[in-house]
Amino acid sequence: MTLAPDRAPDREVALVDLLDRLLAGGVVITGEVTISLAEVDLVHVSLRALISSVQTLVEP
């Protein structure tokens, strides 16, 4: 006999609630883009962004 794993009940989350949670805790987004031609890297861009509310950043 196998038991189904416990899952959180399905519920809808509004976009505003999601943004509120992200800004309250802060989010770091990173990424890299490389453009190459004939296996020679021509352009390499490294991206890092911190998204947070001002209040979250100011708190000690």
N, C-alpha and C. Protein backbone atom coordinates (compact mmCIF):
# COMPACT_ATOMS: atom_id res chain seq x y z
N MET A 1 0.84 -1.17 0.00
CA MET A 1 0.00 0.00 0.00
C MET A 1 0.89 1.24 0.00
N THR A 2 0.65 2.14 -0.93
CA THR A 2 1.43 3.37 -0.98
C THR A 2 0.54 4.54 -0.61
N LEU A 3 1.12 5.45 0.10
CA LEU A 3 0.39 6.65 0.49
C LEU A 3 0.82 7.81 -0.37
N ALA A 4 -0.13 8.65 -0.73
CA ALA A 4 0.19 9.85 -1.52
C ALA A 4 0.95 10.82 -0.63
N PRO A 5 1.96 11.49 -1.18
CA PRO A 5 2.71 12.47 -0.38
C PRO A 5 1.81 13.63 0.02
N ASP A 6 2.10 14.18 1.19
CA ASP A 6 1.33 15.34 1.65
C ASP A 6 1.66 16.53 0.76
N ARG A 7 0.62 17.16 0.26
CA ARG A 7 0.80 18.35 -0.58
C ARG A 7 -0.02 19.48 0.01
N ALA A 8 0.44 20.67 -0.23
CA ALA A 8 -0.32 21.84 0.19
C ALA A 8 -1.58 21.92 -0.66
N PRO A 9 -2.67 22.35 -0.09
CA PRO A 9 -3.90 22.45 -0.88
C PRO A 9 -3.72 23.47 -2.01
N ASP A 10 -4.34 23.17 -3.15
CA ASP A 10 -4.28 24.09 -4.27
C ASP A 10 -5.02 25.37 -3.92
N ARG A 11 -4.37 26.50 -4.18
CA ARG A 11 -5.01 27.79 -3.93
C ARG A 11 -4.49 28.78 -4.94
N GLU A 12 -5.30 29.75 -5.21
CA GLU A 12 -4.90 30.78 -6.16
C GLU A 12 -4.12 31.87 -5.43
N VAL A 13 -3.08 32.35 -6.06
CA VAL A 13 -2.27 33.42 -5.50
C VAL A 13 -2.33 34.58 -6.47
N ALA A 14 -2.74 35.73 -5.97
CA ALA A 14 -2.84 36.92 -6.80
C ALA A 14 -1.44 37.46 -7.08
N LEU A 15 -1.29 38.11 -8.21
CA LEU A 15 0.00 38.69 -8.58
C LEU A 15 0.47 39.70 -7.55
N VAL A 16 -0.46 40.46 -6.99
CA VAL A 16 -0.10 41.46 -5.98
C VAL A 16 0.48 40.78 -4.74
N ASP A 17 -0.11 39.66 -4.33
CA ASP A 17 0.41 38.93 -3.17
C ASP A 17 1.81 38.39 -3.44
N LEU A 18 2.03 37.90 -4.64
CA LEU A 18 3.35 37.39 -5.01
C LEU A 18 4.39 38.50 -4.99
N LEU A 19 4.08 39.65 -5.57
CA LEU A 19 5.01 40.78 -5.56
C LEU A 19 5.29 41.26 -4.14
N ASP A 20 4.26 41.27 -3.30
CA ASP A 20 4.44 41.69 -1.91
C ASP A 20 5.42 40.78 -1.19
N ARG A 21 5.30 39.48 -1.39
CA ARG A 21 6.22 38.53 -0.75
C ARG A 21 7.64 38.68 -1.28
N LEU A 22 7.77 38.88 -2.59
CA LEU A 22 9.10 39.02 -3.17
C LEU A 22 9.79 40.28 -2.68
N LEU A 23 9.06 41.39 -2.62
CA LEU A 23 9.66 42.65 -2.17
C LEU A 23 9.95 42.63 -0.68
N ALA A 24 9.16 41.92 0.10
CA ALA A 24 9.38 41.86 1.55
C ALA A 24 10.69 41.12 1.86
N GLY A 25 11.00 40.10 1.11
CA GLY A 25 12.21 39.33 1.38
C GLY A 25 13.38 39.70 0.50
N GLY A 26 13.10 40.18 -0.69
CA GLY A 26 14.15 40.51 -1.64
C GLY A 26 14.44 39.34 -2.57
N VAL A 27 14.84 39.66 -3.78
CA VAL A 27 15.13 38.65 -4.79
C VAL A 27 16.41 39.05 -5.51
N VAL A 28 17.28 38.08 -5.74
CA VAL A 28 18.49 38.31 -6.53
C VAL A 28 18.34 37.54 -7.83
N ILE A 29 18.50 38.24 -8.94
CA ILE A 29 18.40 37.63 -10.27
C ILE A 29 19.77 37.71 -10.92
N THR A 30 20.26 36.58 -11.41
CA THR A 30 21.55 36.56 -12.10
C THR A 30 21.40 35.89 -13.45
N GLY A 31 22.27 36.27 -14.36
CA GLY A 31 22.25 35.66 -15.68
C GLY A 31 23.51 36.00 -16.45
N GLU A 32 23.79 35.22 -17.46
CA GLU A 32 24.94 35.46 -18.32
C GLU A 32 24.54 35.26 -19.77
N VAL A 33 25.07 36.12 -20.63
CA VAL A 33 24.81 36.03 -22.07
C VAL A 33 26.16 36.09 -22.77
N THR A 34 26.40 35.15 -23.66
CA THR A 34 27.62 35.14 -24.46
C THR A 34 27.25 35.04 -25.93
N ILE A 35 27.76 35.96 -26.72
CA ILE A 35 27.56 35.94 -28.17
C ILE A 35 28.88 35.52 -28.79
N SER A 36 28.84 34.45 -29.56
CA SER A 36 30.08 33.95 -30.18
C SER A 36 29.84 33.65 -31.64
N LEU A 37 30.93 33.67 -32.38
CA LEU A 37 30.91 33.38 -33.81
C LEU A 37 32.10 32.47 -34.10
N ALA A 38 31.85 31.32 -34.69
CA ALA A 38 32.90 30.34 -35.00
C ALA A 38 33.69 29.97 -33.75
N GLU A 39 32.97 29.75 -32.65
CA GLU A 39 33.55 29.36 -31.37
C GLU A 39 34.51 30.39 -30.79
N VAL A 40 34.36 31.65 -31.20
CA VAL A 40 35.13 32.75 -30.63
C VAL A 40 34.15 33.67 -29.92
N ASP A 41 34.33 33.84 -28.60
CA ASP A 41 33.44 34.71 -27.84
C ASP A 41 33.67 36.16 -28.24
N LEU A 42 32.61 36.81 -28.71
CA LEU A 42 32.70 38.21 -29.10
C LEU A 42 32.22 39.14 -27.99
N VAL A 43 31.12 38.77 -27.34
CA VAL A 43 30.55 39.59 -26.27
C VAL A 43 30.14 38.68 -25.13
N HIS A 44 30.51 39.07 -23.92
CA HIS A 44 30.10 38.33 -22.72
C HIS A 44 29.51 39.35 -21.74
N VAL A 45 28.26 39.14 -21.34
CA VAL A 45 27.59 40.04 -20.41
C VAL A 45 27.16 39.24 -19.19
N SER A 46 27.53 39.72 -18.01
CA SER A 46 27.12 39.10 -16.76
C SER A 46 26.16 40.06 -16.07
N LEU A 47 24.98 39.56 -15.70
CA LEU A 47 23.93 40.40 -15.13
C LEU A 47 23.63 39.97 -13.70
N ARG A 48 23.50 40.95 -12.82
CA ARG A 48 23.07 40.69 -11.44
C ARG A 48 22.15 41.83 -11.04
N ALA A 49 20.99 41.47 -10.48
CA ALA A 49 20.03 42.49 -10.05
C ALA A 49 19.47 42.10 -8.69
N LEU A 50 19.35 43.08 -7.81
CA LEU A 50 18.73 42.89 -6.51
C LEU A 50 17.43 43.67 -6.53
N ILE A 51 16.33 42.96 -6.29
CA ILE A 51 15.02 43.60 -6.28
C ILE A 51 14.47 43.47 -4.87
N SER A 52 14.21 44.61 -4.24
CA SER A 52 13.72 44.62 -2.87
C SER A 52 13.07 45.96 -2.59
N SER A 53 12.28 46.01 -1.53
CA SER A 53 11.71 47.29 -1.13
C SER A 53 12.77 48.08 -0.37
N VAL A 54 12.62 49.39 -0.34
CA VAL A 54 13.58 50.24 0.37
C VAL A 54 13.55 49.92 1.86
N GLN A 55 12.37 49.67 2.40
CA GLN A 55 12.25 49.36 3.82
C GLN A 55 13.02 48.10 4.18
N THR A 56 12.99 47.10 3.34
CA THR A 56 13.71 45.85 3.60
C THR A 56 15.22 46.09 3.59
N LEU A 57 15.71 46.93 2.70
CA LEU A 57 17.15 47.20 2.62
C LEU A 57 17.65 48.04 3.79
N VAL A 58 16.80 48.92 4.33
CA VAL A 58 17.21 49.82 5.40
C VAL A 58 17.20 49.13 6.76
N GLU A 59 16.33 48.12 6.95
CA GLU A 59 16.23 47.45 8.25
C GLU A 59 17.56 46.79 8.62
N PRO A 60 17.94 46.88 9.92
CA PRO A 60 19.21 46.28 10.36
C PRO A 60 19.15 44.77 10.40
